[in-house]
Amino acid sequence: MKNIFNYKSHILLFLCGATFGYLYYYFIGCSSGTCPISSNPYISIGYGGVLGVLSLDSLKYIKSKISQKK
């Protein structure tokens, strides 16, 4: 049970990214169905969630590199 709290920020950012993915589908999405990401809400939600988690990991990586230089 302790491990789930270590990933609390990952879960939160996945949910935020998934929300933005759905909003992208809803407001900007492709109505013709030819756009592979924005024509399907499930794919938009998945991509948004993954990008949310990756943004956290990349920020942690950049922060660690900056702290190593000091």
PDB file of N, CA and C in Angstrom:
ATOM      1  N   MET A   1       0.817  -1.197   0.000  1.00  0.00           N
ATOM      2  CA  MET A   1       0.000   0.000   0.000  1.00  0.00           C
ATOM      3  C   MET A   1       0.856   1.253   0.000  1.00  0.00           C
ATOM      4  N   LYS A   2       2.075   1.139   0.490  1.00  0.00           N
ATOM      5  CA  LYS A   2       2.943   2.308   0.557  1.00  0.00           C
ATOM      6  C   LYS A   2       3.411   2.749  -0.833  1.00  0.00           C
ATOM      7  N   ASN A   3       3.544   1.794  -1.769  1.00  0.00           N
ATOM      8  CA  ASN A   3       4.027   2.132  -3.109  1.00  0.00           C
ATOM      9  C   ASN A   3       3.067   3.022  -3.880  1.00  0.00           C
ATOM     10  N   ILE A   4       1.779   2.902  -3.635  1.00  0.00           N
ATOM     11  CA  ILE A   4       0.819   3.713  -4.390  1.00  0.00           C
ATOM     12  C   ILE A   4       0.976   5.184  -4.055  1.00  0.00           C
ATOM     13  N   PHE A   5       1.423   5.508  -2.846  1.00  0.00           N
ATOM     14  CA  PHE A   5       1.617   6.900  -2.474  1.00  0.00           C
ATOM     15  C   PHE A   5       2.880   7.478  -3.107  1.00  0.00           C
ATOM     16  N   ASN A   6       3.824   6.626  -3.491  1.00  0.00           N
ATOM     17  CA  ASN A   6       5.000   7.098  -4.202  1.00  0.00           C
ATOM     18  C   ASN A   6       4.637   7.562  -5.612  1.00  0.00           C
ATOM     19  N   TYR A   7       3.578   7.031  -6.154  1.00  0.00           N
ATOM     20  CA  TYR A   7       3.166   7.350  -7.516  1.00  0.00           C
ATOM     21  C   TYR A   7       1.985   8.315  -7.554  1.00  0.00           C
ATOM     22  N   LYS A   8       1.728   8.990  -6.447  1.00  0.00           N
ATOM     23  CA  LYS A   8       0.584   9.897  -6.375  1.00  0.00           C
ATOM     24  C   LYS A   8       0.714  11.016  -7.411  1.00  0.00           C
ATOM     25  N   SER A   9       1.904  11.554  -7.583  1.00  0.00           N
ATOM     26  CA  SER A   9       2.085  12.619  -8.568  1.00  0.00           C
ATOM     27  C   SER A   9       1.927  12.090  -9.987  1.00  0.00           C
ATOM     28  N   HIS A  10       2.354  10.854 -10.245  1.00  0.00           N
ATOM     29  CA  HIS A  10       2.169  10.260 -11.567  1.00  0.00           C
ATOM     30  C   HIS A  10       0.689  10.079 -11.887  1.00  0.00           C
ATOM     31  N   ILE A  11      -0.055   9.600 -10.908  1.00  0.00           N
ATOM     32  CA  ILE A  11      -1.488   9.387 -11.116  1.00  0.00           C
ATOM     33  C   ILE A  11      -2.197  10.708 -11.338  1.00  0.00           C
ATOM     34  N   LEU A  12      -1.842  11.705 -10.547  1.00  0.00           N
ATOM     35  CA  LEU A  12      -2.464  13.019 -10.679  1.00  0.00           C
ATOM     36  C   LEU A  12      -2.176  13.636 -12.046  1.00  0.00           C
ATOM     37  N   LEU A  13      -0.927  13.566 -12.486  1.00  0.00           N
ATOM     38  CA  LEU A  13      -0.593  14.135 -13.788  1.00  0.00           C
ATOM     39  C   LEU A  13      -1.172  13.323 -14.936  1.00  0.00           C
ATOM     40  N   PHE A  14      -1.321  12.013 -14.764  1.00  0.00           N
ATOM     41  CA  PHE A  14      -1.990  11.227 -15.788  1.00  0.00           C
ATOM     42  C   PHE A  14      -3.442  11.674 -15.933  1.00  0.00           C
ATOM     43  N   LEU A  15      -4.108  11.881 -14.808  1.00  0.00           N
ATOM     44  CA  LEU A  15      -5.502  12.321 -14.855  1.00  0.00           C
ATOM     45  C   LEU A  15      -5.637  13.719 -15.441  1.00  0.00           C
ATOM     46  N   CYS A  16      -4.716  14.611 -15.106  1.00  0.00           N
ATOM     47  CA  CYS A  16      -4.742  15.962 -15.687  1.00  0.00           C
ATOM     48  C   CYS A  16      -4.490  15.901 -17.195  1.00  0.00           C
ATOM     49  N   GLY A  17      -3.506  15.108 -17.599  1.00  0.00           N
ATOM     50  CA  GLY A  17      -3.224  14.962 -19.018  1.00  0.00           C
ATOM     51  C   GLY A  17      -4.372  14.320 -19.769  1.00  0.00           C
ATOM     52  N   ALA A  18      -5.024  13.345 -19.141  1.00  0.00           N
ATOM     53  CA  ALA A  18      -6.176  12.697 -19.762  1.00  0.00           C
ATOM     54  C   ALA A  18      -7.320  13.689 -19.930  1.00  0.00           C
ATOM     55  N   THR A  19      -7.498  14.559 -18.948  1.00  0.00           N
ATOM     56  CA  THR A  19      -8.531  15.590 -19.056  1.00  0.00           C
ATOM     57  C   THR A  19      -8.236  16.528 -20.206  1.00  0.00           C
ATOM     58  N   PHE A  20      -6.998  16.974 -20.314  1.00  0.00           N
ATOM     59  CA  PHE A  20      -6.637  17.851 -21.427  1.00  0.00           C
ATOM     60  C   PHE A  20      -6.729  17.137 -22.767  1.00  0.00           C
ATOM     61  N   GLY A  21      -6.433  15.831 -22.774  1.00  0.00           N
ATOM     62  CA  GLY A  21      -6.592  15.059 -23.999  1.00  0.00           C
ATOM     63  C   GLY A  21      -8.038  15.003 -24.453  1.00  0.00           C
ATOM     64  N   TYR A  22      -8.939  14.813 -23.495  1.00  0.00           N
ATOM     65  CA  TYR A  22     -10.359  14.799 -23.847  1.00  0.00           C
ATOM     66  C   TYR A  22     -10.828  16.178 -24.303  1.00  0.00           C
ATOM     67  N   LEU A  23     -10.368  17.214 -23.614  1.00  0.00           N
ATOM     68  CA  LEU A  23     -10.742  18.581 -24.025  1.00  0.00           C
ATOM     69  C   LEU A  23     -10.229  18.888 -25.427  1.00  0.00           C
ATOM     70  N   TYR A  24      -9.048  18.392 -25.751  1.00  0.00           N
ATOM     71  CA  TYR A  24      -8.515  18.566 -27.104  1.00  0.00           C
ATOM     72  C   TYR A  24      -9.417  17.859 -28.117  1.00  0.00           C
ATOM     73  N   TYR A  25      -9.825  16.648 -27.799  1.00  0.00           N
ATOM     74  CA  TYR A  25     -10.729  15.914 -28.688  1.00  0.00           C
ATOM     75  C   TYR A  25     -12.046  16.660 -28.843  1.00  0.00           C
ATOM     76  N   TYR A  26     -12.590  17.153 -27.752  1.00  0.00           N
ATOM     77  CA  TYR A  26     -13.919  17.762 -27.764  1.00  0.00           C
ATOM     78  C   TYR A  26     -13.928  19.098 -28.518  1.00  0.00           C
ATOM     79  N   PHE A  27     -12.952  19.955 -28.275  1.00  0.00           N
ATOM     80  CA  PHE A  27     -12.968  21.294 -28.859  1.00  0.00           C
ATOM     81  C   PHE A  27     -12.219  21.392 -30.186  1.00  0.00           C
ATOM     82  N   ILE A  28     -11.171  20.628 -30.372  1.00  0.00           N
ATOM     83  CA  ILE A  28     -10.339  20.764 -31.575  1.00  0.00           C
ATOM     84  C   ILE A  28     -10.447  19.539 -32.474  1.00  0.00           C
ATOM     85  N   GLY A  29     -10.916  18.433 -31.959  1.00  0.00           N
ATOM     86  CA  GLY A  29     -10.913  17.149 -32.645  1.00  0.00           C
ATOM     87  C   GLY A  29     -11.314  17.164 -34.103  1.00  0.00           C
ATOM     88  N   CYS A  30     -10.949  16.123 -34.767  1.00  0.00           N
ATOM     89  CA  CYS A  30     -11.168  15.969 -36.202  1.00  0.00           C
ATOM     90  C   CYS A  30     -12.520  15.286 -36.433  1.00  0.00           C
ATOM     91  N   SER A  31     -13.401  15.934 -37.146  1.00  0.00           N
ATOM     92  CA  SER A  31     -14.730  15.361 -37.362  1.00  0.00           C
ATOM     93  C   SER A  31     -14.778  14.393 -38.544  1.00  0.00           C
ATOM     94  N   SER A  32     -13.805  14.475 -39.437  1.00  0.00           N
ATOM     95  CA  SER A  32     -13.831  13.599 -40.602  1.00  0.00           C
ATOM     96  C   SER A  32     -13.369  12.180 -40.284  1.00  0.00           C
ATOM     97  N   GLY A  33     -12.650  11.998 -39.182  1.00  0.00           N
ATOM     98  CA  GLY A  33     -12.174  10.679 -38.806  1.00  0.00           C
ATOM     99  C   GLY A  33     -10.835  10.306 -39.407  1.00  0.00           C
ATOM    100  N   THR A  34     -10.186  11.231 -40.105  1.00  0.00           N
ATOM    101  CA  THR A  34      -8.901  10.921 -40.724  1.00  0.00           C
ATOM    102  C   THR A  34      -7.720  11.206 -39.810  1.00  0.00           C
ATOM    103  N   CYS A  35      -7.930  11.941 -38.750  1.00  0.00           N
ATOM    104  CA  CYS A  35      -6.861  12.257 -37.796  1.00  0.00           C
ATOM    105  C   CYS A  35      -6.806  11.138 -36.755  1.00  0.00           C
ATOM    106  N   PRO A  36      -5.722  10.394 -36.687  1.00  0.00           N
ATOM    107  CA  PRO A  36      -5.708   9.219 -35.821  1.00  0.00           C
ATOM    108  C   PRO A  36      -5.798   9.535 -34.327  1.00  0.00           C
ATOM    109  N   ILE A  37      -5.263  10.655 -33.888  1.00  0.00           N
ATOM    110  CA  ILE A  37      -5.279  10.956 -32.460  1.00  0.00           C
ATOM    111  C   ILE A  37      -6.541  11.706 -32.063  1.00  0.00           C
ATOM    112  N   SER A  38      -6.883  12.736 -32.796  1.00  0.00           N
ATOM    113  CA  SER A  38      -7.980  13.605 -32.357  1.00  0.00           C
ATOM    114  C   SER A  38      -9.359  13.155 -32.825  1.00  0.00           C
ATOM    115  N   SER A  39      -9.471  12.080 -33.589  1.00  0.00           N
ATOM    116  CA  SER A  39     -10.790  11.617 -34.018  1.00  0.00           C
ATOM    117  C   SER A  39     -11.397  10.605 -33.048  1.00  0.00           C
ATOM    118  N   ASN A  40     -10.603  10.059 -32.158  1.00  0.00           N
ATOM    119  CA  ASN A  40     -11.072   9.047 -31.219  1.00  0.00           C
ATOM    120  C   ASN A  40     -10.832   9.554 -29.793  1.00  0.00           C
ATOM    121  N   PRO A  41     -11.877   9.654 -28.959  1.00  0.00           N
ATOM    122  CA  PRO A  41     -11.669  10.198 -27.608  1.00  0.00           C
ATOM    123  C   PRO A  41     -10.775   9.321 -26.731  1.00  0.00           C
ATOM    124  N   TYR A  42     -10.815   8.011 -26.914  1.00  0.00           N
ATOM    125  CA  TYR A  42     -10.005   7.130 -26.080  1.00  0.00           C
ATOM    126  C   TYR A  42      -8.516   7.295 -26.381  1.00  0.00           C
ATOM    127  N   ILE A  43      -8.196   7.454 -27.647  1.00  0.00           N
ATOM    128  CA  ILE A  43      -6.795   7.656 -28.015  1.00  0.00           C
ATOM    129  C   ILE A  43      -6.321   9.019 -27.541  1.00  0.00           C
ATOM    130  N   SER A  44      -7.160  10.040 -27.647  1.00  0.00           N
ATOM    131  CA  SER A  44      -6.793  11.369 -27.160  1.00  0.00           C
ATOM    132  C   SER A  44      -6.566  11.360 -25.655  1.00  0.00           C
ATOM    133  N   ILE A  45      -7.414  10.662 -24.930  1.00  0.00           N
ATOM    134  CA  ILE A  45      -7.264  10.565 -23.474  1.00  0.00           C
ATOM    135  C   ILE A  45      -5.971   9.831 -23.121  1.00  0.00           C
ATOM    136  N   GLY A  46      -5.684   8.754 -23.827  1.00  0.00           N
ATOM    137  CA  GLY A  46      -4.461   7.992 -23.574  1.00  0.00           C
ATOM    138  C   GLY A  46      -3.210   8.802 -23.853  1.00  0.00           C
ATOM    139  N   TYR A  47      -3.169   9.469 -25.006  1.00  0.00           N
ATOM    140  CA  TYR A  47      -2.014  10.287 -25.336  1.00  0.00           C
ATOM    141  C   TYR A  47      -1.847  11.427 -24.333  1.00  0.00           C
ATOM    142  N   GLY A  48      -2.935  12.056 -23.947  1.00  0.00           N
ATOM    143  CA  GLY A  48      -2.854  13.144 -22.972  1.00  0.00           C
ATOM    144  C   GLY A  48      -2.318  12.667 -21.639  1.00  0.00           C
ATOM    145  N   GLY A  49      -2.794  11.510 -21.183  1.00  0.00           N
ATOM    146  CA  GLY A  49      -2.311  10.958 -19.917  1.00  0.00           C
ATOM    147  C   GLY A  49      -0.835  10.610 -19.952  1.00  0.00           C
ATOM    148  N   VAL A  50      -0.409   9.988 -21.024  1.00  0.00           N
ATOM    149  CA  VAL A  50       1.006   9.622 -21.154  1.00  0.00           C
ATOM    150  C   VAL A  50       1.879  10.874 -21.225  1.00  0.00           C
ATOM    151  N   LEU A  51       1.444  11.875 -21.957  1.00  0.00           N
ATOM    152  CA  LEU A  51       2.221  13.108 -22.028  1.00  0.00           C
ATOM    153  C   LEU A  51       2.282  13.820 -20.682  1.00  0.00           C
ATOM    154  N   GLY A  52       1.218  13.735 -19.892  1.00  0.00           N
ATOM    155  CA  GLY A  52       1.246  14.310 -18.556  1.00  0.00           C
ATOM    156  C   GLY A  52       2.291  13.655 -17.671  1.00  0.00           C
ATOM    157  N   VAL A  53       2.363  12.321 -17.701  1.00  0.00           N
ATOM    158  CA  VAL A  53       3.350  11.594 -16.895  1.00  0.00           C
ATOM    159  C   VAL A  53       4.760  11.860 -17.413  1.00  0.00           C
ATOM    160  N   LEU A  54       4.932  11.875 -18.722  1.00  0.00           N
ATOM    161  CA  LEU A  54       6.262  12.126 -19.278  1.00  0.00           C
ATOM    162  C   LEU A  54       6.754  13.524 -18.967  1.00  0.00           C
ATOM    163  N   SER A  55       5.846  14.486 -18.887  1.00  0.00           N
ATOM    164  CA  SER A  55       6.268  15.840 -18.550  1.00  0.00           C
ATOM    165  C   SER A  55       6.823  15.888 -17.130  1.00  0.00           C
ATOM    166  N   LEU A  56       6.212  15.146 -16.202  1.00  0.00           N
ATOM    167  CA  LEU A  56       6.720  15.087 -14.834  1.00  0.00           C
ATOM    168  C   LEU A  56       8.101  14.446 -14.813  1.00  0.00           C
ATOM    169  N   ASP A  57       8.256  13.340 -15.505  1.00  0.00           N
ATOM    170  CA  ASP A  57       9.539  12.649 -15.508  1.00  0.00           C
ATOM    171  C   ASP A  57      10.634  13.493 -16.143  1.00  0.00           C
ATOM    172  N   SER A  58      10.311  14.227 -17.195  1.00  0.00           N
ATOM    173  CA  SER A  58      11.323  15.066 -17.827  1.00  0.00           C
ATOM    174  C   SER A  58      11.692  16.236 -16.929  1.00  0.00           C
ATOM    175  N   LEU A  59      10.731  16.785 -16.190  1.00  0.00           N
ATOM    176  CA  LEU A  59      11.051  17.861 -15.263  1.00  0.00           C
ATOM    177  C   LEU A  59      11.918  17.367 -14.105  1.00  0.00           C
ATOM    178  N   LYS A  60      11.659  16.160 -13.629  1.00  0.00           N
ATOM    179  CA  LYS A  60      12.502  15.578 -12.580  1.00  0.00           C
ATOM    180  C   LYS A  60      13.916  15.350 -13.094  1.00  0.00           C
ATOM    181  N   TYR A  61      14.042  14.905 -14.339  1.00  0.00           N
ATOM    182  CA  TYR A  61      15.362  14.672 -14.936  1.00  0.00           C
ATOM    183  C   TYR A  61      16.128  15.978 -15.075  1.00  0.00           C
ATOM    184  N   ILE A  62      15.469  17.018 -15.559  1.00  0.00           N
ATOM    185  CA  ILE A  62      16.122  18.317 -15.722  1.00  0.00           C
ATOM    186  C   ILE A  62      16.534  18.874 -14.362  1.00  0.00           C
ATOM    187  N   LYS A  63      15.682  18.740 -13.374  1.00  0.00           N
ATOM    188  CA  LYS A  63      16.001  19.224 -12.026  1.00  0.00           C
ATOM    189  C   LYS A  63      17.210  18.496 -11.449  1.00  0.00           C
ATOM    190  N   SER A  64      17.290  17.184 -11.692  1.00  0.00           N
ATOM    191  CA  SER A  64      18.430  16.427 -11.174  1.00  0.00           C
ATOM    192  C   SER A  64      19.736  16.827 -11.871  1.00  0.00           C
ATOM    193  N   LYS A  65      19.663  17.116 -13.163  1.00  0.00           N
ATOM    194  CA  LYS A  65      20.862  17.529 -13.898  1.00  0.00           C
ATOM    195  C   LYS A  65      21.337  18.912 -13.436  1.00  0.00           C
ATOM    196  N   ILE A  66      20.395  19.804 -13.154  1.00  0.00           N
ATOM    197  CA  ILE A  66      20.761  21.136 -12.686  1.00  0.00           C
ATOM    198  C   ILE A  66      21.379  21.064 -11.289  1.00  0.00           C
ATOM    199  N   SER A  67      20.814  20.219 -10.430  1.00  0.00           N
ATOM    200  CA  SER A  67      21.350  20.107  -9.071  1.00  0.00           C
ATOM    201  C   SER A  67      22.705  19.427  -9.066  1.00  0.00           C
ATOM    202  N   GLN A  68      23.032  18.581 -10.048  1.00  0.00           N
ATOM    203  CA  GLN A  68      24.340  17.948 -10.132  1.00  0.00           C
ATOM    204  C   GLN A  68      25.426  18.942 -10.531  1.00  0.00           C
ATOM    205  N   LYS A  69      25.057  19.952 -11.309  1.00  0.00           N
ATOM    206  CA  LYS A  69      26.045  20.936 -11.778  1.00  0.00           C
ATOM    207  C   LYS A  69      26.469  21.898 -10.678  1.00  0.00           C
ATOM    208  N   LYS A  70      25.638  22.066  -9.666  1.00  0.00           N
ATOM    209  CA  LYS A  70      25.960  23.029  -8.593  1.00  0.00           C
ATOM    210  C   LYS A  70      26.943  22.495  -7.625  1.00  0.00           C
TER     211      LYS A  70
END
